[in-house]
Amino acid sequence: MRRPNSTLVVVAGDRAEEIVKGLDALPNVRAVRSRDHPPEALRDLLARASSTYLVHDADPLADVAAAWADFFDQAAPHGRLEVAVEDTIAALRTGRALLPDYYIVVEPETMPPTRRHWWLGVLAGTAPARVVPAPARVDAVRDALATLSTGRWWPDPPDQWLRGLGKIVPDHAGPIP
């Protein structure tokens, strides 16, 4: 899949779907809830996006995030993280998935510790300007969109970074605010 002309933003967190829905009325923002589109239609929509921002809740790293958190919480069978990583790498290579330009993470302070370390440690440590915490309100996410800054992109190709996740310990992962 080619990079779209829009800035892709994933809203992540417990209230992501509700917040994405509330952003659709903003000028220059196309808000898309993943539950409203089959995966193939969502991929097509992302590829053809032409608004300034395309905001959605379909995190391409969701399976890796869950597997990483479960790995360190000892809640997953051996190998689950590795399978999630390899599936995600394949999806990124073939265009079935596309990393967003930014993640806006709503209410990370209310997340379980390991999940919070994923967002504000692992991902923020990998590309600091690309992960933005925000309160779980439409106006707060709108304000975050207006102040997104440039910064280091995700490692490309992501293979080495993703395959090394099992060695990134939650309490030592990146810059937790």
N, C-alpha and C. Protein backbone atom coordinates (compact mmCIF):
# COMPACT_ATOMS: atom_id res chain seq x y z
N MET A 1 0.85 -1.16 0.00
CA MET A 1 0.00 0.00 0.00
C MET A 1 0.91 1.24 0.00
N ARG A 2 0.59 2.18 -0.85
CA ARG A 2 1.36 3.42 -0.87
C ARG A 2 0.95 4.30 0.30
N ARG A 3 1.83 5.21 0.68
CA ARG A 3 1.52 6.16 1.75
C ARG A 3 0.43 7.10 1.26
N PRO A 4 -0.58 7.33 2.06
CA PRO A 4 -1.64 8.26 1.65
C PRO A 4 -1.17 9.71 1.73
N ASN A 5 -1.93 10.60 1.15
CA ASN A 5 -1.62 12.03 1.21
C ASN A 5 -1.99 12.63 2.56
N SER A 6 -2.80 11.96 3.32
CA SER A 6 -3.23 12.44 4.64
C SER A 6 -2.22 12.07 5.71
N THR A 7 -2.25 12.80 6.81
CA THR A 7 -1.52 12.42 8.00
C THR A 7 -2.39 11.40 8.73
N LEU A 8 -1.87 10.19 8.88
CA LEU A 8 -2.63 9.12 9.55
C LEU A 8 -2.41 9.19 11.05
N VAL A 9 -3.51 9.20 11.79
CA VAL A 9 -3.45 9.27 13.25
C VAL A 9 -4.34 8.17 13.82
N VAL A 10 -3.75 7.33 14.65
CA VAL A 10 -4.51 6.31 15.36
C VAL A 10 -4.81 6.85 16.75
N VAL A 11 -6.07 6.82 17.13
CA VAL A 11 -6.46 7.13 18.51
C VAL A 11 -6.55 5.79 19.22
N ALA A 12 -5.82 5.69 20.33
CA ALA A 12 -5.76 4.43 21.06
C ALA A 12 -6.19 4.64 22.50
N GLY A 13 -6.81 3.63 23.06
CA GLY A 13 -7.26 3.68 24.45
C GLY A 13 -8.69 3.20 24.54
N ASP A 14 -9.18 3.10 25.77
CA ASP A 14 -10.51 2.53 26.00
C ASP A 14 -11.64 3.30 25.31
N ARG A 15 -11.51 4.60 25.17
CA ARG A 15 -12.59 5.39 24.59
C ARG A 15 -12.28 5.85 23.16
N ALA A 16 -11.35 5.17 22.51
CA ALA A 16 -10.90 5.59 21.18
C ALA A 16 -12.03 5.67 20.17
N GLU A 17 -12.87 4.67 20.11
CA GLU A 17 -13.95 4.65 19.11
C GLU A 17 -14.89 5.83 19.29
N GLU A 18 -15.26 6.11 20.52
CA GLU A 18 -16.14 7.24 20.82
C GLU A 18 -15.49 8.58 20.42
N ILE A 19 -14.21 8.71 20.72
CA ILE A 19 -13.50 9.95 20.39
C ILE A 19 -13.35 10.12 18.89
N VAL A 20 -13.01 9.05 18.19
CA VAL A 20 -12.90 9.13 16.73
C VAL A 20 -14.22 9.59 16.13
N LYS A 21 -15.31 9.03 16.59
CA LYS A 21 -16.62 9.44 16.08
C LYS A 21 -16.85 10.93 16.29
N GLY A 22 -16.44 11.46 17.41
CA GLY A 22 -16.62 12.87 17.72
C GLY A 22 -15.74 13.81 16.92
N LEU A 23 -14.70 13.30 16.28
CA LEU A 23 -13.79 14.14 15.51
C LEU A 23 -14.24 14.35 14.08
N ASP A 24 -15.23 13.61 13.62
CA ASP A 24 -15.63 13.64 12.22
C ASP A 24 -16.17 14.99 11.77
N ALA A 25 -16.65 15.80 12.68
CA ALA A 25 -17.22 17.10 12.31
C ALA A 25 -16.15 18.18 12.13
N LEU A 26 -14.91 17.87 12.47
CA LEU A 26 -13.85 18.88 12.36
C LEU A 26 -13.45 19.10 10.91
N PRO A 27 -13.15 20.34 10.54
CA PRO A 27 -12.67 20.59 9.17
C PRO A 27 -11.31 19.94 8.97
N ASN A 28 -11.05 19.47 7.79
CA ASN A 28 -9.78 18.83 7.42
C ASN A 28 -9.51 17.51 8.12
N VAL A 29 -10.52 16.95 8.77
CA VAL A 29 -10.36 15.66 9.45
C VAL A 29 -11.38 14.68 8.90
N ARG A 30 -10.89 13.53 8.51
CA ARG A 30 -11.76 12.41 8.16
C ARG A 30 -11.60 11.40 9.28
N ALA A 31 -12.65 11.12 9.99
CA ALA A 31 -12.62 10.20 11.12
C ALA A 31 -13.29 8.90 10.72
N VAL A 32 -12.61 7.80 10.96
CA VAL A 32 -13.08 6.49 10.53
C VAL A 32 -12.99 5.50 11.68
N ARG A 33 -14.12 4.91 12.01
CA ARG A 33 -14.13 3.85 13.02
C ARG A 33 -13.96 2.52 12.31
N SER A 34 -13.08 1.69 12.82
CA SER A 34 -12.79 0.41 12.16
C SER A 34 -14.01 -0.49 12.11
N ARG A 35 -14.89 -0.40 13.09
CA ARG A 35 -16.05 -1.29 13.08
C ARG A 35 -17.04 -0.96 11.96
N ASP A 36 -16.92 0.22 11.37
CA ASP A 36 -17.82 0.62 10.29
C ASP A 36 -17.36 0.17 8.91
N HIS A 37 -16.18 -0.47 8.85
CA HIS A 37 -15.62 -0.87 7.54
C HIS A 37 -14.96 -2.24 7.66
N PRO A 38 -15.19 -3.13 6.70
CA PRO A 38 -14.44 -4.38 6.68
C PRO A 38 -12.95 -4.06 6.47
N PRO A 39 -12.05 -4.92 6.93
CA PRO A 39 -10.61 -4.62 6.84
C PRO A 39 -10.13 -4.20 5.45
N GLU A 40 -10.59 -4.88 4.43
CA GLU A 40 -10.14 -4.53 3.07
C GLU A 40 -10.62 -3.14 2.66
N ALA A 41 -11.85 -2.80 2.99
CA ALA A 41 -12.38 -1.47 2.68
C ALA A 41 -11.65 -0.39 3.48
N LEU A 42 -11.30 -0.70 4.72
CA LEU A 42 -10.56 0.25 5.54
C LEU A 42 -9.17 0.50 4.95
N ARG A 43 -8.49 -0.56 4.51
CA ARG A 43 -7.17 -0.39 3.87
C ARG A 43 -7.28 0.48 2.63
N ASP A 44 -8.30 0.27 1.84
CA ASP A 44 -8.51 1.08 0.64
C ASP A 44 -8.77 2.53 1.00
N LEU A 45 -9.58 2.73 2.01
CA LEU A 45 -9.89 4.09 2.46
C LEU A 45 -8.62 4.80 2.95
N LEU A 46 -7.77 4.12 3.71
CA LEU A 46 -6.52 4.71 4.19
C LEU A 46 -5.61 5.07 3.02
N ALA A 47 -5.54 4.21 2.04
CA ALA A 47 -4.66 4.45 0.89
C ALA A 47 -5.12 5.63 0.05
N ARG A 48 -6.41 5.86 -0.02
CA ARG A 48 -6.95 6.93 -0.87
C ARG A 48 -7.19 8.23 -0.11
N ALA A 49 -6.88 8.26 1.16
CA ALA A 49 -7.19 9.43 1.99
C ALA A 49 -6.57 10.70 1.42
N SER A 50 -7.35 11.77 1.44
CA SER A 50 -6.83 13.04 0.92
C SER A 50 -7.12 14.23 1.85
N SER A 51 -7.76 14.00 2.98
CA SER A 51 -7.97 15.09 3.93
C SER A 51 -6.65 15.35 4.66
N THR A 52 -6.58 16.47 5.35
CA THR A 52 -5.34 16.79 6.08
C THR A 52 -5.02 15.68 7.08
N TYR A 53 -6.03 15.26 7.85
CA TYR A 53 -5.85 14.18 8.82
C TYR A 53 -6.86 13.08 8.56
N LEU A 54 -6.40 11.86 8.61
CA LEU A 54 -7.31 10.72 8.64
C LEU A 54 -7.09 10.07 10.01
N VAL A 55 -8.10 10.18 10.84
CA VAL A 55 -8.02 9.69 12.22
C VAL A 55 -8.86 8.42 12.30
N HIS A 56 -8.27 7.38 12.89
CA HIS A 56 -8.99 6.11 13.00
C HIS A 56 -8.56 5.36 14.25
N ASP A 57 -9.21 4.23 14.49
CA ASP A 57 -8.93 3.44 15.68
C ASP A 57 -8.40 2.05 15.36
N ALA A 58 -7.95 1.84 14.13
CA ALA A 58 -7.46 0.52 13.70
C ALA A 58 -5.95 0.46 13.86
N ASP A 59 -5.50 0.15 15.04
CA ASP A 59 -4.06 0.11 15.34
C ASP A 59 -3.40 -1.09 14.68
N PRO A 60 -2.45 -0.87 13.76
CA PRO A 60 -1.79 -2.00 13.11
C PRO A 60 -0.87 -2.78 14.04
N LEU A 61 -0.55 -2.20 15.20
CA LEU A 61 0.31 -2.88 16.17
C LEU A 61 -0.48 -3.45 17.35
N ALA A 62 -1.78 -3.49 17.25
CA ALA A 62 -2.62 -3.94 18.38
C ALA A 62 -2.28 -5.35 18.85
N ASP A 63 -2.11 -6.28 17.92
CA ASP A 63 -1.80 -7.66 18.32
C ASP A 63 -0.43 -7.74 18.97
N VAL A 64 0.53 -6.98 18.46
CA VAL A 64 1.88 -6.96 19.04
C VAL A 64 1.81 -6.34 20.44
N ALA A 65 1.08 -5.26 20.58
CA ALA A 65 0.96 -4.60 21.89
C ALA A 65 0.36 -5.55 22.92
N ALA A 66 -0.71 -6.21 22.55
CA ALA A 66 -1.35 -7.15 23.48
C ALA A 66 -0.42 -8.31 23.83
N ALA A 67 0.27 -8.84 22.82
CA ALA A 67 1.18 -9.96 23.06
C ALA A 67 2.37 -9.53 23.92
N TRP A 68 2.88 -8.32 23.68
CA TRP A 68 4.01 -7.81 24.47
C TRP A 68 3.60 -7.64 25.94
N ALA A 69 2.44 -7.02 26.16
CA ALA A 69 1.96 -6.83 27.52
C ALA A 69 1.72 -8.18 28.20
N ASP A 70 1.09 -9.11 27.49
CA ASP A 70 0.83 -10.43 28.06
C ASP A 70 2.13 -11.20 28.33
N PHE A 71 3.12 -11.02 27.47
CA PHE A 71 4.43 -11.67 27.65
C PHE A 71 5.03 -11.24 28.99
N PHE A 72 5.04 -9.95 29.26
CA PHE A 72 5.65 -9.47 30.50
C PHE A 72 4.74 -9.62 31.71
N ASP A 73 3.45 -9.74 31.50
CA ASP A 73 2.54 -10.02 32.59
C ASP A 73 2.39 -11.52 32.83
N GLN A 74 3.11 -12.31 32.06
CA GLN A 74 3.09 -13.77 32.11
C GLN A 74 1.67 -14.31 31.94
N ALA A 75 0.96 -13.73 30.98
CA ALA A 75 -0.43 -14.11 30.73
C ALA A 75 -0.61 -14.72 29.35
N ALA A 76 0.48 -15.04 28.67
CA ALA A 76 0.37 -15.58 27.31
C ALA A 76 1.25 -16.82 27.18
N PRO A 77 0.86 -17.74 26.31
CA PRO A 77 1.71 -18.90 26.07
C PRO A 77 3.00 -18.48 25.37
N HIS A 78 4.03 -19.27 25.54
CA HIS A 78 5.31 -19.01 24.87
C HIS A 78 5.10 -18.95 23.36
N GLY A 79 5.73 -17.99 22.75
CA GLY A 79 5.67 -17.88 21.30
C GLY A 79 4.61 -16.92 20.78
N ARG A 80 3.67 -16.50 21.62
CA ARG A 80 2.61 -15.61 21.13
C ARG A 80 3.18 -14.28 20.64
N LEU A 81 4.13 -13.71 21.36
CA LEU A 81 4.72 -12.45 20.94
C LEU A 81 5.43 -12.61 19.59
N GLU A 82 6.19 -13.67 19.45
CA GLU A 82 6.91 -13.90 18.20
C GLU A 82 5.96 -14.06 17.02
N VAL A 83 4.86 -14.78 17.22
CA VAL A 83 3.88 -14.96 16.15
C VAL A 83 3.24 -13.62 15.79
N ALA A 84 2.87 -12.83 16.79
CA ALA A 84 2.26 -11.52 16.53
C ALA A 84 3.23 -10.62 15.78
N VAL A 85 4.49 -10.65 16.17
CA VAL A 85 5.50 -9.82 15.49
C VAL A 85 5.64 -10.24 14.03
N GLU A 86 5.78 -11.52 13.77
CA GLU A 86 5.96 -11.99 12.39
C GLU A 86 4.73 -11.71 11.54
N ASP A 87 3.54 -11.89 12.10
CA ASP A 87 2.31 -11.57 11.36
C ASP A 87 2.25 -10.08 11.02
N THR A 88 2.65 -9.24 11.97
CA THR A 88 2.63 -7.79 11.75
C THR A 88 3.67 -7.38 10.71
N ILE A 89 4.85 -7.93 10.78
CA ILE A 89 5.89 -7.63 9.78
C ILE A 89 5.38 -8.01 8.40
N ALA A 90 4.77 -9.18 8.28
CA ALA A 90 4.23 -9.60 6.98
C ALA A 90 3.14 -8.65 6.50
N ALA A 91 2.27 -8.21 7.40
CA ALA A 91 1.20 -7.29 7.02
C ALA A 91 1.77 -5.94 6.58
N LEU A 92 2.80 -5.46 7.26
CA LEU A 92 3.42 -4.19 6.87
C LEU A 92 4.12 -4.31 5.52
N ARG A 93 4.79 -5.42 5.30
CA ARG A 93 5.50 -5.62 4.02
C ARG A 93 4.55 -5.73 2.83
N THR A 94 3.43 -6.37 3.03
CA THR A 94 2.51 -6.60 1.91
C THR A 94 1.50 -5.48 1.75
N GLY A 95 1.49 -4.52 2.66
CA GLY A 95 0.54 -3.42 2.56
C GLY A 95 -0.81 -3.71 3.19
N ARG A 96 -0.96 -4.84 3.86
CA ARG A 96 -2.21 -5.11 4.58
C ARG A 96 -2.33 -4.23 5.81
N ALA A 97 -1.20 -3.65 6.24
CA ALA A 97 -1.19 -2.75 7.39
C ALA A 97 -0.26 -1.59 7.07
N LEU A 98 -0.50 -0.49 7.73
CA LEU A 98 0.28 0.72 7.50
C LEU A 98 0.48 1.41 8.84
N LEU A 99 1.74 1.69 9.19
CA LEU A 99 1.99 2.40 10.44
C LEU A 99 1.47 3.82 10.32
N PRO A 100 0.84 4.32 11.37
CA PRO A 100 0.33 5.69 11.31
C PRO A 100 1.47 6.70 11.48
N ASP A 101 1.19 7.93 11.14
CA ASP A 101 2.15 8.99 11.40
C ASP A 101 2.23 9.27 12.89
N TYR A 102 1.09 9.16 13.57
CA TYR A 102 1.03 9.46 15.00
C TYR A 102 0.05 8.53 15.70
N TYR A 103 0.31 8.32 16.99
CA TYR A 103 -0.65 7.71 17.90
C TYR A 103 -1.04 8.77 18.92
N ILE A 104 -2.32 8.98 19.11
CA ILE A 104 -2.79 9.78 20.24
C ILE A 104 -3.39 8.78 21.22
N VAL A 105 -2.76 8.68 22.36
CA VAL A 105 -3.13 7.69 23.37
C VAL A 105 -3.95 8.39 24.45
N VAL A 106 -5.21 7.99 24.56
CA VAL A 106 -6.10 8.65 25.51
C VAL A 106 -6.05 7.98 26.88
N GLU A 107 -5.91 8.83 27.88
CA GLU A 107 -5.86 8.45 29.29
C GLU A 107 -4.88 7.31 29.58
N PRO A 108 -3.63 7.45 29.19
CA PRO A 108 -2.68 6.37 29.48
C PRO A 108 -2.47 6.15 30.97
N GLU A 109 -2.72 7.17 31.78
CA GLU A 109 -2.52 7.03 33.23
C GLU A 109 -3.52 6.06 33.84
N THR A 110 -4.62 5.76 33.17
CA THR A 110 -5.61 4.82 33.70
C THR A 110 -5.38 3.39 33.21
N MET A 111 -4.41 3.20 32.34
CA MET A 111 -4.14 1.87 31.78
C MET A 111 -3.36 1.02 32.78
N PRO A 112 -3.46 -0.31 32.65
CA PRO A 112 -2.61 -1.17 33.47
C PRO A 112 -1.14 -0.82 33.19
N PRO A 113 -0.27 -0.99 34.17
CA PRO A 113 1.13 -0.55 34.04
C PRO A 113 1.85 -1.06 32.78
N THR A 114 1.72 -2.33 32.48
CA THR A 114 2.44 -2.85 31.31
C THR A 114 1.92 -2.25 30.03
N ARG A 115 0.63 -2.06 29.92
CA ARG A 115 0.05 -1.43 28.73
C ARG A 115 0.52 0.02 28.61
N ARG A 116 0.56 0.72 29.72
CA ARG A 116 1.06 2.10 29.72
C ARG A 116 2.52 2.13 29.28
N HIS A 117 3.32 1.16 29.73
CA HIS A 117 4.72 1.08 29.31
C HIS A 117 4.85 0.81 27.81
N TRP A 118 3.90 0.08 27.24
CA TRP A 118 3.92 -0.13 25.79
C TRP A 118 3.83 1.21 25.07
N TRP A 119 2.82 1.98 25.44
CA TRP A 119 2.59 3.25 24.75
C TRP A 119 3.64 4.30 25.05
N LEU A 120 3.87 4.57 26.31
CA LEU A 120 4.72 5.68 26.70
C LEU A 120 6.17 5.28 26.90
N GLY A 121 6.44 3.99 26.82
CA GLY A 121 7.81 3.50 26.94
C GLY A 121 8.32 2.97 25.62
N VAL A 122 7.80 1.84 25.21
CA VAL A 122 8.28 1.19 23.98
C VAL A 122 8.05 2.06 22.75
N LEU A 123 6.80 2.43 22.48
CA LEU A 123 6.54 3.21 21.27
C LEU A 123 7.13 4.62 21.36
N ALA A 124 6.96 5.29 22.49
CA ALA A 124 7.52 6.64 22.63
C ALA A 124 9.04 6.61 22.59
N GLY A 125 9.65 5.54 23.06
CA GLY A 125 11.10 5.42 22.99
C GLY A 125 11.59 5.16 21.58
N THR A 126 10.76 4.57 20.78
CA THR A 126 11.13 4.26 19.39
C THR A 126 11.01 5.48 18.49
N ALA A 127 9.95 6.24 18.67
CA ALA A 127 9.72 7.46 17.88
C ALA A 127 9.01 8.47 18.78
N PRO A 128 9.78 9.22 19.59
CA PRO A 128 9.19 10.05 20.65
C PRO A 128 8.10 11.03 20.21
N ALA A 129 8.25 11.70 19.11
CA ALA A 129 7.26 12.70 18.69
C ALA A 129 6.00 12.05 18.12
N ARG A 130 6.04 10.76 17.88
CA ARG A 130 4.94 10.07 17.21
C ARG A 130 3.90 9.51 18.16
N VAL A 131 4.12 9.62 19.48
CA VAL A 131 3.18 9.11 20.48
C VAL A 131 2.82 10.27 21.40
N VAL A 132 1.54 10.63 21.39
CA VAL A 132 1.08 11.81 22.12
C VAL A 132 -0.01 11.40 23.10
N PRO A 133 0.21 11.56 24.41
CA PRO A 133 -0.85 11.28 25.37
C PRO A 133 -1.86 12.43 25.40
N ALA A 134 -3.11 12.11 25.68
CA ALA A 134 -4.15 13.14 25.75
C ALA A 134 -5.27 12.66 26.66
N PRO A 135 -5.98 13.60 27.27
CA PRO A 135 -7.19 13.22 28.02
C PRO A 135 -8.22 12.61 27.06
N ALA A 136 -9.11 11.80 27.58
CA ALA A 136 -10.11 11.11 26.75
C ALA A 136 -11.31 12.00 26.50
N ARG A 137 -11.05 13.11 25.80
CA ARG A 137 -12.13 14.03 25.41
C ARG A 137 -11.88 14.45 23.96
N VAL A 138 -12.94 14.65 23.23
CA VAL A 138 -12.82 15.05 21.83
C VAL A 138 -12.04 16.36 21.71
N ASP A 139 -12.33 17.33 22.56
CA ASP A 139 -11.63 18.62 22.46
C ASP A 139 -10.14 18.48 22.75
N ALA A 140 -9.76 17.60 23.66
CA ALA A 140 -8.34 17.39 23.97
C ALA A 140 -7.62 16.73 22.80
N VAL A 141 -8.27 15.77 22.17
CA VAL A 141 -7.66 15.11 21.00
C VAL A 141 -7.60 16.09 19.84
N ARG A 142 -8.62 16.91 19.68
CA ARG A 142 -8.59 17.95 18.65
C ARG A 142 -7.40 18.88 18.87
N ASP A 143 -7.18 19.30 20.10
CA ASP A 143 -6.04 20.16 20.42
C ASP A 143 -4.72 19.44 20.17
N ALA A 144 -4.66 18.16 20.47
CA ALA A 144 -3.44 17.38 20.20
C ALA A 144 -3.16 17.32 18.70
N LEU A 145 -4.20 17.16 17.90
CA LEU A 145 -4.02 17.16 16.44
C LEU A 145 -3.42 18.47 15.96
N ALA A 146 -3.86 19.57 16.56
CA ALA A 146 -3.40 20.89 16.14
C ALA A 146 -1.95 21.16 16.52
N THR A 147 -1.40 20.38 17.44
CA THR A 147 -0.05 20.66 17.92
C THR A 147 0.93 19.51 17.66
N LEU A 148 0.62 18.61 16.75
CA LEU A 148 1.53 17.50 16.45
C LEU A 148 2.84 18.07 15.91
N SER A 149 3.95 17.54 16.43
CA SER A 149 5.25 18.02 15.98
C SER A 149 5.95 16.96 15.14
N THR A 150 6.90 17.39 14.37
CA THR A 150 7.66 16.44 13.56
C THR A 150 8.69 15.76 14.44
N GLY A 151 9.17 14.66 13.99
CA GLY A 151 10.18 13.93 14.74
C GLY A 151 10.55 12.66 14.02
N ARG A 152 11.45 11.93 14.64
CA ARG A 152 11.96 10.69 14.07
C ARG A 152 10.80 9.76 13.70
N TRP A 153 10.89 9.16 12.51
CA TRP A 153 9.89 8.21 12.02
C TRP A 153 10.16 6.85 12.63
N TRP A 154 9.23 5.95 12.49
CA TRP A 154 9.40 4.57 12.95
C TRP A 154 10.59 3.95 12.23
N PRO A 155 11.32 3.06 12.89
CA PRO A 155 12.44 2.40 12.21
C PRO A 155 11.97 1.71 10.93
N ASP A 156 12.72 1.91 9.86
CA ASP A 156 12.34 1.34 8.57
C ASP A 156 13.53 0.59 7.98
N PRO A 157 13.41 -0.69 7.75
CA PRO A 157 12.24 -1.52 7.99
C PRO A 157 12.06 -1.80 9.48
N PRO A 158 10.85 -2.13 9.89
CA PRO A 158 10.58 -2.32 11.31
C PRO A 158 10.99 -3.69 11.85
N ASP A 159 11.50 -4.56 11.00
CA ASP A 159 11.77 -5.94 11.39
C ASP A 159 12.62 -6.07 12.65
N GLN A 160 13.79 -5.43 12.66
CA GLN A 160 14.70 -5.58 13.79
C GLN A 160 14.09 -5.03 15.07
N TRP A 161 13.47 -3.87 14.99
CA TRP A 161 12.85 -3.26 16.16
C TRP A 161 11.73 -4.17 16.70
N LEU A 162 10.85 -4.63 15.82
CA LEU A 162 9.74 -5.47 16.28
C LEU A 162 10.24 -6.80 16.83
N ARG A 163 11.22 -7.39 16.17
CA ARG A 163 11.74 -8.69 16.65
C ARG A 163 12.50 -8.56 17.97
N GLY A 164 12.92 -7.37 18.33
CA GLY A 164 13.64 -7.16 19.59
C GLY A 164 12.74 -6.81 20.76
N LEU A 165 11.44 -6.78 20.56
CA LEU A 165 10.52 -6.37 21.63
C LEU A 165 10.58 -7.24 22.87
N GLY A 166 10.85 -8.52 22.71
CA GLY A 166 10.92 -9.42 23.86
C GLY A 166 12.04 -9.08 24.82
N LYS A 167 12.99 -8.24 24.37
CA LYS A 167 14.12 -7.83 25.22
C LYS A 167 13.92 -6.45 25.83
N ILE A 168 12.82 -5.79 25.49
CA ILE A 168 12.55 -4.46 26.04
C ILE A 168 11.66 -4.63 27.27
N VAL A 169 12.26 -4.48 28.42
CA VAL A 169 11.57 -4.69 29.69
C VAL A 169 10.71 -3.46 30.01
N PRO A 170 9.45 -3.66 30.43
CA PRO A 170 8.55 -2.54 30.66
C PRO A 170 9.12 -1.39 31.50
N ASP A 171 9.71 -1.68 32.64
CA ASP A 171 10.19 -0.61 33.51
C ASP A 171 11.41 0.13 32.96
N HIS A 172 12.00 -0.40 31.89
CA HIS A 172 13.19 0.22 31.30
C HIS A 172 12.95 0.67 29.87
N ALA A 173 11.72 0.73 29.46
CA ALA A 173 11.38 1.05 28.07
C ALA A 173 11.17 2.55 27.90
N GLY A 174 12.01 3.17 27.12
CA GLY A 174 11.81 4.54 26.67
C GLY A 174 11.42 5.56 27.72
N PRO A 175 11.02 6.72 27.27
CA PRO A 175 10.71 7.83 28.20
C PRO A 175 9.27 7.82 28.68
N ILE A 176 9.03 7.37 29.87
CA ILE A 176 7.69 7.43 30.48
C ILE A 176 7.56 8.81 31.12
N PRO A 177 6.54 9.60 30.74
CA PRO A 177 6.40 10.93 31.36
C PRO A 177 6.00 10.85 32.82
